[in-house]
Amino acid sequence: MIHNVTASASSRSPITVAAAFLGAFVVASLAVQLVRTAVPVGADPAGVAPVTAHQASLWQPLAQR
């Protein structure tokens, strides 16, 4: 019994392969950052520093003195 097996190889440009690896690296890096900065469920958000929304808010503590 003889089986004919045909293998086909698709040739990709080295630039395409490099771009794919670079894209995968960027996505993986973003995923790691997302996991590291994620707040666990049930965690106390009181320890999180507020985000400064406007430049004027930077001067507000000085005006209160």
PDB file of N, CA and C in Angstrom:
ATOM      1  N   MET A   1       0.843  -1.169   0.000  1.00  0.00           N
ATOM      2  CA  MET A   1       0.000   0.000   0.000  1.00  0.00           C
ATOM      3  C   MET A   1       0.893   1.238   0.000  1.00  0.00           C
ATOM      4  N   ILE A   2       0.751   2.075  -0.991  1.00  0.00           N
ATOM      5  CA  ILE A   2       1.592   3.262  -1.149  1.00  0.00           C
ATOM      6  C   ILE A   2       0.728   4.507  -0.972  1.00  0.00           C
ATOM      7  N   HIS A   3       1.212   5.404  -0.114  1.00  0.00           N
ATOM      8  CA  HIS A   3       0.510   6.669   0.121  1.00  0.00           C
ATOM      9  C   HIS A   3       1.328   7.795  -0.491  1.00  0.00           C
ATOM     10  N   ASN A   4       0.691   8.614  -1.256  1.00  0.00           N
ATOM     11  CA  ASN A   4       1.365   9.782  -1.815  1.00  0.00           C
ATOM     12  C   ASN A   4       1.151  10.959  -0.867  1.00  0.00           C
ATOM     13  N   VAL A   5       2.231  11.449  -0.316  1.00  0.00           N
ATOM     14  CA  VAL A   5       2.158  12.575   0.605  1.00  0.00           C
ATOM     15  C   VAL A   5       2.845  13.752  -0.061  1.00  0.00           C
ATOM     16  N   THR A   6       2.122  14.837  -0.147  1.00  0.00           N
ATOM     17  CA  THR A   6       2.677  16.033  -0.760  1.00  0.00           C
ATOM     18  C   THR A   6       2.819  17.098   0.313  1.00  0.00           C
ATOM     19  N   ALA A   7       3.992  17.603   0.481  1.00  0.00           N
ATOM     20  CA  ALA A   7       4.235  18.663   1.457  1.00  0.00           C
ATOM     21  C   ALA A   7       4.469  19.955   0.694  1.00  0.00           C
ATOM     22  N   SER A   8       3.780  20.967   1.111  1.00  0.00           N
ATOM     23  CA  SER A   8       3.985  22.263   0.476  1.00  0.00           C
ATOM     24  C   SER A   8       4.457  23.246   1.537  1.00  0.00           C
ATOM     25  N   ALA A   9       5.464  23.974   1.212  1.00  0.00           N
ATOM     26  CA  ALA A   9       6.014  24.965   2.131  1.00  0.00           C
ATOM     27  C   ALA A   9       5.734  26.345   1.559  1.00  0.00           C
ATOM     28  N   SER A  10       5.177  27.185   2.395  1.00  0.00           N
ATOM     29  CA  SER A  10       4.929  28.543   1.937  1.00  0.00           C
ATOM     30  C   SER A  10       6.115  29.397   2.366  1.00  0.00           C
ATOM     31  N   SER A  11       6.659  30.111   1.445  1.00  0.00           N
ATOM     32  CA  SER A  11       7.818  30.943   1.766  1.00  0.00           C
ATOM     33  C   SER A  11       7.332  32.334   2.151  1.00  0.00           C
ATOM     34  N   ARG A  12       7.778  32.777   3.312  1.00  0.00           N
ATOM     35  CA  ARG A  12       7.404  34.104   3.791  1.00  0.00           C
ATOM     36  C   ARG A  12       8.642  34.986   3.765  1.00  0.00           C
ATOM     37  N   SER A  13       8.407  36.227   3.539  1.00  0.00           N
ATOM     38  CA  SER A  13       9.493  37.197   3.515  1.00  0.00           C
ATOM     39  C   SER A  13      10.090  37.324   4.922  1.00  0.00           C
ATOM     40  N   PRO A  14      11.392  37.487   5.031  1.00  0.00           N
ATOM     41  CA  PRO A  14      12.001  37.677   6.360  1.00  0.00           C
ATOM     42  C   PRO A  14      11.470  38.921   7.078  1.00  0.00           C
ATOM     43  N   ILE A  15      11.093  39.916   6.312  1.00  0.00           N
ATOM     44  CA  ILE A  15      10.530  41.129   6.928  1.00  0.00           C
ATOM     45  C   ILE A  15       9.172  40.812   7.544  1.00  0.00           C
ATOM     46  N   THR A  16       8.384  39.979   6.883  1.00  0.00           N
ATOM     47  CA  THR A  16       7.084  39.591   7.419  1.00  0.00           C
ATOM     48  C   THR A  16       7.241  38.804   8.712  1.00  0.00           C
ATOM     49  N   VAL A  17       8.208  37.905   8.737  1.00  0.00           N
ATOM     50  CA  VAL A  17       8.450  37.107   9.937  1.00  0.00           C
ATOM     51  C   VAL A  17       8.932  38.003  11.082  1.00  0.00           C
ATOM     52  N   ALA A  18       9.830  38.927  10.781  1.00  0.00           N
ATOM     53  CA  ALA A  18      10.328  39.842  11.806  1.00  0.00           C
ATOM     54  C   ALA A  18       9.216  40.743  12.333  1.00  0.00           C
ATOM     55  N   ALA A  19       8.361  41.213  11.447  1.00  0.00           N
ATOM     56  CA  ALA A  19       7.239  42.062  11.871  1.00  0.00           C
ATOM     57  C   ALA A  19       6.267  41.273  12.740  1.00  0.00           C
ATOM     58  N   ALA A  20       6.064  40.016  12.414  1.00  0.00           N
ATOM     59  CA  ALA A  20       5.163  39.177  13.221  1.00  0.00           C
ATOM     60  C   ALA A  20       5.729  38.968  14.621  1.00  0.00           C
ATOM     61  N   PHE A  21       7.038  38.696  14.717  1.00  0.00           N
ATOM     62  CA  PHE A  21       7.651  38.527  16.029  1.00  0.00           C
ATOM     63  C   PHE A  21       7.615  39.827  16.824  1.00  0.00           C
ATOM     64  N   LEU A  22       7.870  40.940  16.169  1.00  0.00           N
ATOM     65  CA  LEU A  22       7.824  42.228  16.844  1.00  0.00           C
ATOM     66  C   LEU A  22       6.411  42.536  17.339  1.00  0.00           C
ATOM     67  N   GLY A  23       5.419  42.268  16.507  1.00  0.00           N
ATOM     68  CA  GLY A  23       4.031  42.478  16.914  1.00  0.00           C
ATOM     69  C   GLY A  23       3.640  41.594  18.081  1.00  0.00           C
ATOM     70  N   ALA A  24       4.072  40.334  18.058  1.00  0.00           N
ATOM     71  CA  ALA A  24       3.774  39.425  19.164  1.00  0.00           C
ATOM     72  C   ALA A  24       4.448  39.895  20.448  1.00  0.00           C
ATOM     73  N   PHE A  25       5.667  40.415  20.327  1.00  0.00           N
ATOM     74  CA  PHE A  25       6.379  40.927  21.497  1.00  0.00           C
ATOM     75  C   PHE A  25       5.649  42.132  22.097  1.00  0.00           C
ATOM     76  N   VAL A  26       5.186  43.027  21.256  1.00  0.00           N
ATOM     77  CA  VAL A  26       4.476  44.222  21.738  1.00  0.00           C
ATOM     78  C   VAL A  26       3.178  43.813  22.430  1.00  0.00           C
ATOM     79  N   VAL A  27       2.433  42.911  21.823  1.00  0.00           N
ATOM     80  CA  VAL A  27       1.171  42.465  22.431  1.00  0.00           C
ATOM     81  C   VAL A  27       1.437  41.762  23.760  1.00  0.00           C
ATOM     82  N   ALA A  28       2.456  40.933  23.817  1.00  0.00           N
ATOM     83  CA  ALA A  28       2.782  40.236  25.061  1.00  0.00           C
ATOM     84  C   ALA A  28       3.219  41.229  26.146  1.00  0.00           C
ATOM     85  N   SER A  29       3.988  42.244  25.765  1.00  0.00           N
ATOM     86  CA  SER A  29       4.420  43.252  26.734  1.00  0.00           C
ATOM     87  C   SER A  29       3.227  44.021  27.289  1.00  0.00           C
ATOM     88  N   LEU A  30       2.308  44.377  26.426  1.00  0.00           N
ATOM     89  CA  LEU A  30       1.105  45.076  26.893  1.00  0.00           C
ATOM     90  C   LEU A  30       0.269  44.190  27.802  1.00  0.00           C
ATOM     91  N   ALA A  31       0.191  42.912  27.494  1.00  0.00           N
ATOM     92  CA  ALA A  31      -0.568  41.986  28.337  1.00  0.00           C
ATOM     93  C   ALA A  31       0.074  41.868  29.714  1.00  0.00           C
ATOM     94  N   VAL A  32       1.401  41.824  29.767  1.00  0.00           N
ATOM     95  CA  VAL A  32       2.090  41.747  31.058  1.00  0.00           C
ATOM     96  C   VAL A  32       1.833  43.005  31.869  1.00  0.00           C
ATOM     97  N   GLN A  33       1.902  44.166  31.226  1.00  0.00           N
ATOM     98  CA  GLN A  33       1.627  45.422  31.929  1.00  0.00           C
ATOM     99  C   GLN A  33       0.198  45.463  32.450  1.00  0.00           C
ATOM    100  N   LEU A  34      -0.741  44.956  31.672  1.00  0.00           N
ATOM    101  CA  LEU A  34      -2.136  44.939  32.090  1.00  0.00           C
ATOM    102  C   LEU A  34      -2.322  44.046  33.303  1.00  0.00           C
ATOM    103  N   VAL A  35      -1.675  42.896  33.306  1.00  0.00           N
ATOM    104  CA  VAL A  35      -1.805  41.973  34.432  1.00  0.00           C
ATOM    105  C   VAL A  35      -1.140  42.546  35.676  1.00  0.00           C
ATOM    106  N   ARG A  36       0.007  43.190  35.506  1.00  0.00           N
ATOM    107  CA  ARG A  36       0.711  43.747  36.669  1.00  0.00           C
ATOM    108  C   ARG A  36      -0.039  44.910  37.301  1.00  0.00           C
ATOM    109  N   THR A  37      -0.717  45.712  36.511  1.00  0.00           N
ATOM    110  CA  THR A  37      -1.390  46.891  37.044  1.00  0.00           C
ATOM    111  C   THR A  37      -2.846  46.634  37.387  1.00  0.00           C
ATOM    112  N   ALA A  38      -3.344  45.435  37.141  1.00  0.00           N
ATOM    113  CA  ALA A  38      -4.739  45.131  37.429  1.00  0.00           C
ATOM    114  C   ALA A  38      -4.948  45.110  38.943  1.00  0.00           C
ATOM    115  N   VAL A  39      -6.059  45.687  39.372  1.00  0.00           N
ATOM    116  CA  VAL A  39      -6.407  45.699  40.787  1.00  0.00           C
ATOM    117  C   VAL A  39      -7.176  44.416  41.080  1.00  0.00           C
ATOM    118  N   PRO A  40      -6.746  43.623  42.053  1.00  0.00           N
ATOM    119  CA  PRO A  40      -7.464  42.388  42.368  1.00  0.00           C
ATOM    120  C   PRO A  40      -8.885  42.682  42.845  1.00  0.00           C
ATOM    121  N   VAL A  41      -9.773  41.754  42.584  1.00  0.00           N
ATOM    122  CA  VAL A  41     -11.166  41.913  43.006  1.00  0.00           C
ATOM    123  C   VAL A  41     -11.210  41.943  44.525  1.00  0.00           C
ATOM    124  N   GLY A  42     -11.920  42.918  45.071  1.00  0.00           N
ATOM    125  CA  GLY A  42     -12.033  43.040  46.518  1.00  0.00           C
ATOM    126  C   GLY A  42     -10.915  43.853  47.137  1.00  0.00           C
ATOM    127  N   ALA A  43      -9.999  44.369  46.344  1.00  0.00           N
ATOM    128  CA  ALA A  43      -8.903  45.177  46.883  1.00  0.00           C
ATOM    129  C   ALA A  43      -9.418  46.560  47.240  1.00  0.00           C
ATOM    130  N   ASP A  44      -8.779  47.178  48.198  1.00  0.00           N
ATOM    131  CA  ASP A  44      -9.177  48.505  48.647  1.00  0.00           C
ATOM    132  C   ASP A  44      -8.612  49.553  47.688  1.00  0.00           C
ATOM    133  N   PRO A  45      -9.474  50.259  46.960  1.00  0.00           N
ATOM    134  CA  PRO A  45      -8.973  51.261  46.007  1.00  0.00           C
ATOM    135  C   PRO A  45      -8.487  52.544  46.675  1.00  0.00           C
ATOM    136  N   ALA A  46      -8.561  52.633  48.029  1.00  0.00           N
ATOM    137  CA  ALA A  46      -8.147  53.853  48.718  1.00  0.00           C
ATOM    138  C   ALA A  46      -6.650  54.097  48.570  1.00  0.00           C
ATOM    139  N   GLY A  47      -5.876  53.056  48.324  1.00  0.00           N
ATOM    140  CA  GLY A  47      -4.438  53.212  48.186  1.00  0.00           C
ATOM    141  C   GLY A  47      -4.011  53.703  46.816  1.00  0.00           C
ATOM    142  N   VAL A  48      -4.951  53.854  45.891  1.00  0.00           N
ATOM    143  CA  VAL A  48      -4.629  54.276  44.533  1.00  0.00           C
ATOM    144  C   VAL A  48      -4.565  55.795  44.483  1.00  0.00           C
ATOM    145  N   ALA A  49      -3.491  56.330  43.936  1.00  0.00           N
ATOM    146  CA  ALA A  49      -3.341  57.782  43.833  1.00  0.00           C
ATOM    147  C   ALA A  49      -4.266  58.324  42.748  1.00  0.00           C
ATOM    148  N   PRO A  50      -4.875  59.492  42.983  1.00  0.00           N
ATOM    149  CA  PRO A  50      -5.759  60.062  41.968  1.00  0.00           C
ATOM    150  C   PRO A  50      -4.969  60.542  40.747  1.00  0.00           C
ATOM    151  N   VAL A  51      -5.621  60.554  39.629  1.00  0.00           N
ATOM    152  CA  VAL A  51      -5.001  61.007  38.386  1.00  0.00           C
ATOM    153  C   VAL A  51      -5.219  62.503  38.248  1.00  0.00           C
ATOM    154  N   THR A  52      -4.160  63.237  37.934  1.00  0.00           N
ATOM    155  CA  THR A  52      -4.280  64.677  37.737  1.00  0.00           C
ATOM    156  C   THR A  52      -4.873  64.927  36.356  1.00  0.00           C
ATOM    157  N   ALA A  53      -6.053  65.532  36.337  1.00  0.00           N
ATOM    158  CA  ALA A  53      -6.768  65.704  35.084  1.00  0.00           C
ATOM    159  C   ALA A  53      -6.379  66.981  34.355  1.00  0.00           C
ATOM    160  N   HIS A  54      -5.893  67.979  35.066  1.00  0.00           N
ATOM    161  CA  HIS A  54      -5.618  69.265  34.433  1.00  0.00           C
ATOM    162  C   HIS A  54      -4.419  69.913  35.111  1.00  0.00           C
ATOM    163  N   GLN A  55      -3.717  70.762  34.384  1.00  0.00           N
ATOM    164  CA  GLN A  55      -2.539  71.423  34.950  1.00  0.00           C
ATOM    165  C   GLN A  55      -2.897  72.308  36.131  1.00  0.00           C
ATOM    166  N   ALA A  56      -4.078  72.895  36.108  1.00  0.00           N
ATOM    167  CA  ALA A  56      -4.473  73.781  37.203  1.00  0.00           C
ATOM    168  C   ALA A  56      -4.553  73.015  38.515  1.00  0.00           C
ATOM    169  N   SER A  57      -4.860  71.726  38.455  1.00  0.00           N
ATOM    170  CA  SER A  57      -4.935  70.945  39.693  1.00  0.00           C
ATOM    171  C   SER A  57      -3.568  70.765  40.337  1.00  0.00           C
ATOM    172  N   LEU A  58      -2.485  70.915  39.558  1.00  0.00           N
ATOM    173  CA  LEU A  58      -1.159  70.815  40.142  1.00  0.00           C
ATOM    174  C   LEU A  58      -0.868  72.006  41.057  1.00  0.00           C
ATOM    175  N   TRP A  59      -1.449  73.162  40.746  1.00  0.00           N
ATOM    176  CA  TRP A  59      -1.193  74.372  41.521  1.00  0.00           C
ATOM    177  C   TRP A  59      -2.158  74.534  42.686  1.00  0.00           C
ATOM    178  N   GLN A  60      -3.200  73.735  42.729  1.00  0.00           N
ATOM    179  CA  GLN A  60      -4.226  73.875  43.781  1.00  0.00           C
ATOM    180  C   GLN A  60      -3.655  73.722  45.193  1.00  0.00           C
ATOM    181  N   PRO A  61      -2.793  72.733  45.476  1.00  0.00           N
ATOM    182  CA  PRO A  61      -2.241  72.637  46.834  1.00  0.00           C
ATOM    183  C   PRO A  61      -1.436  73.868  47.241  1.00  0.00           C
ATOM    184  N   LEU A  62      -0.756  74.511  46.290  1.00  0.00           N
ATOM    185  CA  LEU A  62      -0.010  75.720  46.614  1.00  0.00           C
ATOM    186  C   LEU A  62      -0.941  76.889  46.934  1.00  0.00           C
ATOM    187  N   ALA A  63      -2.078  76.947  46.292  1.00  0.00           N
ATOM    188  CA  ALA A  63      -3.030  78.026  46.534  1.00  0.00           C
ATOM    189  C   ALA A  63      -3.703  77.862  47.890  1.00  0.00           C
ATOM    190  N   GLN A  64      -3.793  76.652  48.404  1.00  0.00           N
ATOM    191  CA  GLN A  64      -4.451  76.417  49.672  1.00  0.00           C
ATOM    192  C   GLN A  64      -3.546  76.761  50.858  1.00  0.00           C
ATOM    193  N   ARG A  65      -2.251  76.982  50.631  1.00  0.00           N
ATOM    194  CA  ARG A  65      -1.324  77.269  51.735  1.00  0.00           C
ATOM    195  C   ARG A  65      -1.453  78.680  52.219  1.00  0.00           C
TER     196      ARG A  65
END
